[in-house]
Amino acid sequence: MSFETEKSLGTKKRVLLAEDGDIVRKMVGEILALEGFEVVPAADGREAFDYFKQHGSTIDLIVTDIVMPNMDGKELVQQCRREIPDIAILYMSGYTDSRIDPDEDLQGNTDFIAKPFRPTELVRKVNDLIKNAN
C-alpha cells in the first residue's frame, strides 16, 4: 500500500520522529513505514536529541511536533542544526496560532504541516524534503 501516486523515496531513508502523542507518533510512524522509510520514534525532543547525538549522520529527515515536554520541536531543531546545519526538517503542530515564524523557522530545507493532515500530504512533504536534501 502506498499513499503517493509517484514512487516514494523511503527506501533506505531514515526519519527521526519526535512526537509526544502516542497515537499520533504511532500513526505517523506507520504511514512513513508503509512508504518504506525507517522510522526512529521518540516521545519528546530530549529523547530525539539523545538519539541524534549518537546517530545524526544516519538521519535523512527530522519530523517533529512543535509543542512537547522536556524539549520542544524548535529547540530540538536548533540543537540538531548545530551538528548538521542542513538537516531536513518537517514541523508538525495542531495549534492554529502556529508557533512557527516562516521568516525565521522555515529557512533551508524545512517545511510545516498542520494537524490534522492527510497521509498523502504527509508523504508528499516528506518526499519533497528528502528530494531537496539530495
N, C-alpha and C. Protein backbone atom coordinates (compact mmCIF):
# COMPACT_ATOMS: atom_id res chain seq x y z
N MET A 1 0.85 -1.18 0.00
CA MET A 1 0.00 0.00 0.00
C MET A 1 0.89 1.24 0.00
N SER A 2 0.51 2.20 -0.79
CA SER A 2 1.26 3.45 -0.85
C SER A 2 0.28 4.61 -0.88
N PHE A 3 0.66 5.72 -0.25
CA PHE A 3 -0.20 6.90 -0.20
C PHE A 3 0.12 7.88 -1.32
N GLU A 4 1.18 7.64 -2.06
CA GLU A 4 1.60 8.54 -3.13
C GLU A 4 1.36 7.89 -4.49
N THR A 5 1.09 8.72 -5.49
CA THR A 5 0.96 8.19 -6.83
C THR A 5 2.33 8.03 -7.48
N GLU A 6 3.27 8.89 -7.10
CA GLU A 6 4.63 8.73 -7.61
C GLU A 6 5.41 7.86 -6.64
N LYS A 7 6.53 7.36 -7.08
CA LYS A 7 7.33 6.47 -6.25
C LYS A 7 7.86 7.20 -5.01
N SER A 8 7.68 6.59 -3.86
CA SER A 8 8.18 7.16 -2.62
C SER A 8 9.69 7.03 -2.56
N LEU A 9 10.30 7.95 -1.85
CA LEU A 9 11.75 7.93 -1.69
C LEU A 9 12.18 7.22 -0.42
N GLY A 10 11.26 6.49 0.20
CA GLY A 10 11.50 5.91 1.50
C GLY A 10 12.59 4.87 1.60
N THR A 11 12.87 4.17 0.54
CA THR A 11 13.84 3.09 0.62
C THR A 11 15.18 3.60 1.13
N LYS A 12 15.62 3.00 2.21
CA LYS A 12 16.91 3.30 2.83
C LYS A 12 17.03 4.72 3.37
N LYS A 13 15.92 5.37 3.63
CA LYS A 13 15.94 6.70 4.22
C LYS A 13 15.44 6.59 5.66
N ARG A 14 16.14 7.27 6.57
CA ARG A 14 15.81 7.19 8.00
C ARG A 14 15.21 8.51 8.46
N VAL A 15 14.05 8.41 9.12
CA VAL A 15 13.33 9.56 9.65
C VAL A 15 13.32 9.47 11.17
N LEU A 16 13.78 10.54 11.82
CA LEU A 16 13.67 10.66 13.27
C LEU A 16 12.36 11.38 13.55
N LEU A 17 11.46 10.72 14.26
CA LEU A 17 10.11 11.23 14.53
C LEU A 17 9.97 11.58 16.00
N ALA A 18 9.85 12.86 16.30
CA ALA A 18 9.68 13.34 17.68
C ALA A 18 8.24 13.81 17.86
N GLU A 19 7.48 13.08 18.65
CA GLU A 19 6.05 13.39 18.86
C GLU A 19 5.66 12.83 20.21
N ASP A 20 5.13 13.69 21.10
CA ASP A 20 4.78 13.24 22.44
C ASP A 20 3.43 12.52 22.51
N GLY A 21 2.59 12.68 21.51
CA GLY A 21 1.31 11.98 21.49
C GLY A 21 1.48 10.57 20.97
N ASP A 22 1.20 9.59 21.81
CA ASP A 22 1.41 8.19 21.43
C ASP A 22 0.66 7.81 20.16
N ILE A 23 -0.60 8.21 20.05
CA ILE A 23 -1.41 7.83 18.90
C ILE A 23 -0.87 8.48 17.63
N VAL A 24 -0.55 9.76 17.72
CA VAL A 24 -0.03 10.47 16.54
C VAL A 24 1.32 9.90 16.14
N ARG A 25 2.19 9.64 17.13
CA ARG A 25 3.51 9.07 16.83
C ARG A 25 3.38 7.73 16.12
N LYS A 26 2.47 6.91 16.62
CA LYS A 26 2.26 5.60 16.00
C LYS A 26 1.70 5.75 14.59
N MET A 27 0.70 6.62 14.41
CA MET A 27 0.08 6.80 13.10
C MET A 27 1.09 7.32 12.08
N VAL A 28 1.83 8.37 12.42
CA VAL A 28 2.82 8.94 11.50
C VAL A 28 3.90 7.90 11.20
N GLY A 29 4.34 7.19 12.22
CA GLY A 29 5.34 6.15 12.02
C GLY A 29 4.87 5.07 11.07
N GLU A 30 3.62 4.64 11.22
CA GLU A 30 3.08 3.60 10.34
C GLU A 30 2.93 4.09 8.90
N ILE A 31 2.47 5.32 8.73
CA ILE A 31 2.32 5.89 7.38
C ILE A 31 3.68 5.91 6.69
N LEU A 32 4.69 6.41 7.38
CA LEU A 32 6.02 6.50 6.77
C LEU A 32 6.64 5.12 6.55
N ALA A 33 6.41 4.21 7.47
CA ALA A 33 6.94 2.84 7.29
C ALA A 33 6.30 2.17 6.08
N LEU A 34 5.01 2.41 5.86
CA LEU A 34 4.35 1.85 4.67
C LEU A 34 4.97 2.39 3.38
N GLU A 35 5.55 3.56 3.45
CA GLU A 35 6.20 4.17 2.28
C GLU A 35 7.67 3.73 2.17
N GLY A 36 8.11 2.90 3.09
CA GLY A 36 9.46 2.37 3.01
C GLY A 36 10.49 3.08 3.85
N PHE A 37 10.08 4.08 4.61
CA PHE A 37 11.03 4.79 5.46
C PHE A 37 11.33 3.99 6.72
N GLU A 38 12.55 4.08 7.19
CA GLU A 38 12.88 3.55 8.51
C GLU A 38 12.61 4.66 9.49
N VAL A 39 11.72 4.43 10.43
CA VAL A 39 11.29 5.46 11.37
C VAL A 39 11.87 5.16 12.75
N VAL A 40 12.52 6.18 13.32
CA VAL A 40 13.04 6.10 14.68
C VAL A 40 12.13 6.99 15.53
N PRO A 41 11.24 6.38 16.35
CA PRO A 41 10.31 7.19 17.14
C PRO A 41 10.94 7.68 18.43
N ALA A 42 10.54 8.89 18.83
CA ALA A 42 10.98 9.46 20.11
C ALA A 42 9.78 10.15 20.75
N ALA A 43 9.61 9.99 22.06
CA ALA A 43 8.45 10.50 22.77
C ALA A 43 8.53 11.99 23.09
N ASP A 44 9.70 12.58 22.92
CA ASP A 44 9.84 14.02 23.13
C ASP A 44 11.15 14.49 22.49
N GLY A 45 11.38 15.79 22.55
CA GLY A 45 12.57 16.35 21.93
C GLY A 45 13.87 15.88 22.57
N ARG A 46 13.87 15.71 23.87
CA ARG A 46 15.08 15.26 24.57
C ARG A 46 15.48 13.87 24.11
N GLU A 47 14.50 12.95 24.04
CA GLU A 47 14.78 11.59 23.58
C GLU A 47 15.28 11.61 22.13
N ALA A 48 14.66 12.45 21.30
CA ALA A 48 15.08 12.56 19.90
C ALA A 48 16.50 13.09 19.80
N PHE A 49 16.81 14.11 20.59
CA PHE A 49 18.16 14.69 20.52
C PHE A 49 19.21 13.72 21.05
N ASP A 50 18.88 12.96 22.08
CA ASP A 50 19.82 11.96 22.57
C ASP A 50 20.16 10.95 21.47
N TYR A 51 19.15 10.53 20.70
CA TYR A 51 19.41 9.63 19.59
C TYR A 51 20.23 10.34 18.51
N PHE A 52 19.87 11.57 18.21
CA PHE A 52 20.55 12.32 17.16
C PHE A 52 22.03 12.52 17.49
N LYS A 53 22.36 12.76 18.74
CA LYS A 53 23.77 12.95 19.13
C LYS A 53 24.60 11.73 18.77
N GLN A 54 24.02 10.55 18.87
CA GLN A 54 24.74 9.32 18.58
C GLN A 54 24.69 8.92 17.11
N HIS A 55 23.59 9.26 16.42
CA HIS A 55 23.35 8.73 15.08
C HIS A 55 22.96 9.80 14.06
N GLY A 56 23.25 11.05 14.33
CA GLY A 56 22.81 12.14 13.47
C GLY A 56 23.19 12.00 12.01
N SER A 57 24.36 11.46 11.76
CA SER A 57 24.80 11.33 10.36
C SER A 57 23.99 10.30 9.58
N THR A 58 23.20 9.48 10.28
CA THR A 58 22.38 8.47 9.60
C THR A 58 20.95 8.94 9.38
N ILE A 59 20.62 10.14 9.85
CA ILE A 59 19.25 10.66 9.76
C ILE A 59 19.11 11.49 8.48
N ASP A 60 18.07 11.20 7.71
CA ASP A 60 17.79 11.95 6.49
C ASP A 60 16.80 13.08 6.71
N LEU A 61 15.94 12.93 7.71
CA LEU A 61 14.89 13.92 7.96
C LEU A 61 14.44 13.82 9.41
N ILE A 62 14.15 14.97 10.00
CA ILE A 62 13.53 15.02 11.33
C ILE A 62 12.10 15.51 11.15
N VAL A 63 11.15 14.72 11.64
CA VAL A 63 9.74 15.13 11.70
C VAL A 63 9.46 15.37 13.17
N THR A 64 9.08 16.60 13.51
CA THR A 64 8.90 16.91 14.92
C THR A 64 7.66 17.74 15.20
N ASP A 65 6.98 17.37 16.27
CA ASP A 65 5.93 18.21 16.81
C ASP A 65 6.61 19.46 17.34
N ILE A 66 5.87 20.54 17.45
CA ILE A 66 6.46 21.77 17.97
C ILE A 66 6.36 21.82 19.48
N VAL A 67 5.19 21.51 20.03
CA VAL A 67 4.97 21.60 21.47
C VAL A 67 5.11 20.21 22.08
N MET A 68 6.18 20.04 22.89
CA MET A 68 6.44 18.76 23.56
C MET A 68 7.08 19.05 24.91
N PRO A 69 6.96 18.12 25.86
CA PRO A 69 7.65 18.29 27.14
C PRO A 69 9.15 18.04 26.99
N ASN A 70 9.89 18.49 27.95
CA ASN A 70 11.35 18.28 28.08
C ASN A 70 12.17 19.08 27.09
N MET A 71 11.83 19.05 25.82
CA MET A 71 12.48 19.87 24.80
C MET A 71 11.49 20.00 23.66
N ASP A 72 11.12 21.24 23.31
CA ASP A 72 10.15 21.39 22.22
C ASP A 72 10.82 21.21 20.86
N GLY A 73 9.99 21.17 19.83
CA GLY A 73 10.49 20.90 18.49
C GLY A 73 11.46 21.95 17.97
N LYS A 74 11.21 23.22 18.27
CA LYS A 74 12.10 24.27 17.79
C LYS A 74 13.48 24.15 18.44
N GLU A 75 13.51 23.86 19.73
CA GLU A 75 14.80 23.67 20.41
C GLU A 75 15.52 22.44 19.88
N LEU A 76 14.77 21.36 19.64
CA LEU A 76 15.35 20.15 19.05
C LEU A 76 16.03 20.49 17.73
N VAL A 77 15.34 21.22 16.88
CA VAL A 77 15.90 21.58 15.57
C VAL A 77 17.14 22.45 15.74
N GLN A 78 17.09 23.42 16.63
CA GLN A 78 18.26 24.27 16.86
C GLN A 78 19.47 23.45 17.29
N GLN A 79 19.25 22.51 18.21
CA GLN A 79 20.34 21.68 18.70
C GLN A 79 20.90 20.78 17.58
N CYS A 80 20.00 20.17 16.82
CA CYS A 80 20.43 19.27 15.75
C CYS A 80 21.16 20.03 14.65
N ARG A 81 20.69 21.23 14.34
CA ARG A 81 21.33 22.02 13.28
C ARG A 81 22.68 22.57 13.69
N ARG A 82 22.99 22.55 14.97
CA ARG A 82 24.36 22.89 15.39
C ARG A 82 25.32 21.79 14.94
N GLU A 83 24.80 20.57 14.89
CA GLU A 83 25.60 19.42 14.47
C GLU A 83 25.60 19.25 12.95
N ILE A 84 24.40 19.33 12.35
CA ILE A 84 24.24 19.16 10.90
C ILE A 84 23.34 20.31 10.41
N PRO A 85 23.94 21.41 9.97
CA PRO A 85 23.16 22.62 9.64
C PRO A 85 22.11 22.44 8.56
N ASP A 86 22.31 21.53 7.64
CA ASP A 86 21.37 21.40 6.52
C ASP A 86 20.42 20.21 6.65
N ILE A 87 20.28 19.65 7.85
CA ILE A 87 19.36 18.52 8.04
C ILE A 87 17.94 18.94 7.66
N ALA A 88 17.23 18.08 6.95
CA ALA A 88 15.85 18.37 6.53
C ALA A 88 14.92 18.26 7.74
N ILE A 89 13.95 19.20 7.81
CA ILE A 89 13.04 19.28 8.95
C ILE A 89 11.61 19.41 8.47
N LEU A 90 10.70 18.64 9.09
CA LEU A 90 9.27 18.84 8.91
C LEU A 90 8.66 19.07 10.29
N TYR A 91 8.20 20.30 10.53
CA TYR A 91 7.49 20.62 11.77
C TYR A 91 6.03 20.20 11.63
N MET A 92 5.44 19.74 12.76
CA MET A 92 4.01 19.44 12.82
C MET A 92 3.43 20.20 14.01
N SER A 93 2.18 20.65 13.87
CA SER A 93 1.51 21.26 15.01
C SER A 93 0.01 21.24 14.82
N GLY A 94 -0.70 21.10 15.92
CA GLY A 94 -2.14 21.18 15.92
C GLY A 94 -2.64 22.54 16.39
N TYR A 95 -1.73 23.42 16.75
CA TYR A 95 -2.10 24.74 17.21
C TYR A 95 -2.37 25.65 16.02
N THR A 96 -3.53 26.28 16.03
CA THR A 96 -3.89 27.14 14.91
C THR A 96 -3.08 28.42 14.89
N ASP A 97 -2.56 28.84 16.05
CA ASP A 97 -1.76 30.06 16.07
C ASP A 97 -0.32 29.77 15.68
N SER A 98 -0.05 28.57 15.30
CA SER A 98 1.27 28.10 14.87
C SER A 98 2.41 28.86 15.53
N ARG A 99 3.24 28.13 16.14
CA ARG A 99 4.40 28.69 16.84
C ARG A 99 5.58 28.86 15.90
N ILE A 100 5.32 28.74 14.61
CA ILE A 100 6.37 28.83 13.60
C ILE A 100 6.36 30.22 12.96
N ASP A 101 7.52 30.83 12.89
CA ASP A 101 7.70 32.09 12.18
C ASP A 101 8.31 31.74 10.83
N PRO A 102 7.55 31.89 9.74
CA PRO A 102 8.06 31.49 8.42
C PRO A 102 9.39 32.14 8.06
N ASP A 103 9.59 33.38 8.44
CA ASP A 103 10.84 34.07 8.10
C ASP A 103 12.03 33.53 8.89
N GLU A 104 11.76 32.99 10.06
CA GLU A 104 12.85 32.51 10.91
C GLU A 104 12.98 30.98 10.89
N ASP A 105 11.85 30.29 10.99
CA ASP A 105 11.87 28.85 11.22
C ASP A 105 11.78 27.99 9.96
N LEU A 106 11.33 28.56 8.86
CA LEU A 106 11.15 27.75 7.65
C LEU A 106 12.21 28.06 6.61
N GLN A 107 13.41 28.31 7.06
CA GLN A 107 14.52 28.56 6.16
C GLN A 107 15.22 27.24 5.82
N GLY A 108 15.86 27.20 4.67
CA GLY A 108 16.56 25.98 4.26
C GLY A 108 15.56 24.90 3.91
N ASN A 109 15.96 23.67 4.07
CA ASN A 109 15.13 22.52 3.70
C ASN A 109 14.20 22.18 4.87
N THR A 110 13.21 23.07 5.08
CA THR A 110 12.30 22.98 6.22
C THR A 110 10.89 23.24 5.75
N ASP A 111 9.92 22.50 6.31
CA ASP A 111 8.52 22.71 5.96
C ASP A 111 7.68 22.53 7.21
N PHE A 112 6.39 22.79 7.07
CA PHE A 112 5.44 22.71 8.16
C PHE A 112 4.18 22.00 7.67
N ILE A 113 3.59 21.18 8.53
CA ILE A 113 2.30 20.53 8.23
C ILE A 113 1.41 20.71 9.45
N ALA A 114 0.17 21.15 9.20
CA ALA A 114 -0.78 21.37 10.29
C ALA A 114 -1.56 20.09 10.57
N LYS A 115 -1.71 19.78 11.85
CA LYS A 115 -2.54 18.65 12.27
C LYS A 115 -3.98 19.12 12.34
N PRO A 116 -4.92 18.32 11.97
CA PRO A 116 -4.77 17.01 11.35
C PRO A 116 -4.41 17.14 9.88
N PHE A 117 -3.75 16.12 9.36
CA PHE A 117 -3.35 16.13 7.96
C PHE A 117 -3.68 14.79 7.33
N ARG A 118 -3.73 14.77 6.02
CA ARG A 118 -3.98 13.53 5.28
C ARG A 118 -2.65 12.79 5.10
N PRO A 119 -2.69 11.48 5.11
CA PRO A 119 -1.46 10.72 4.87
C PRO A 119 -0.75 11.13 3.58
N THR A 120 -1.52 11.39 2.52
CA THR A 120 -0.90 11.78 1.25
C THR A 120 -0.14 13.09 1.38
N GLU A 121 -0.67 14.02 2.16
CA GLU A 121 0.01 15.31 2.37
C GLU A 121 1.32 15.10 3.13
N LEU A 122 1.28 14.27 4.17
CA LEU A 122 2.49 13.97 4.94
C LEU A 122 3.56 13.35 4.04
N VAL A 123 3.18 12.34 3.28
CA VAL A 123 4.14 11.64 2.42
C VAL A 123 4.71 12.57 1.35
N ARG A 124 3.86 13.41 0.79
CA ARG A 124 4.34 14.36 -0.23
C ARG A 124 5.38 15.31 0.35
N LYS A 125 5.09 15.85 1.53
CA LYS A 125 6.04 16.79 2.14
C LYS A 125 7.35 16.09 2.51
N VAL A 126 7.26 14.89 3.05
CA VAL A 126 8.46 14.13 3.41
C VAL A 126 9.28 13.84 2.15
N ASN A 127 8.64 13.38 1.10
CA ASN A 127 9.35 13.10 -0.15
C ASN A 127 9.99 14.37 -0.72
N ASP A 128 9.27 15.49 -0.70
CA ASP A 128 9.83 16.75 -1.21
C ASP A 128 11.06 17.17 -0.42
N LEU A 129 11.00 17.06 0.89
CA LEU A 129 12.14 17.44 1.72
C LEU A 129 13.35 16.54 1.44
N ILE A 130 13.10 15.25 1.31
CA ILE A 130 14.21 14.32 1.03
C ILE A 130 14.79 14.56 -0.36
N LYS A 131 13.93 14.84 -1.35
CA LYS A 131 14.43 15.17 -2.69
C LYS A 131 15.34 16.38 -2.64
N ASN A 132 14.91 17.41 -1.91
CA ASN A 132 15.69 18.64 -1.81
C ASN A 132 16.99 18.47 -1.05
N ALA A 133 17.04 17.45 -0.20
CA ALA A 133 18.26 17.21 0.59
C ALA A 133 19.34 16.53 -0.23
N ASN A 134 18.94 15.88 -1.31
CA ASN A 134 19.91 15.12 -2.12
C ASN A 134 20.50 15.95 -3.24
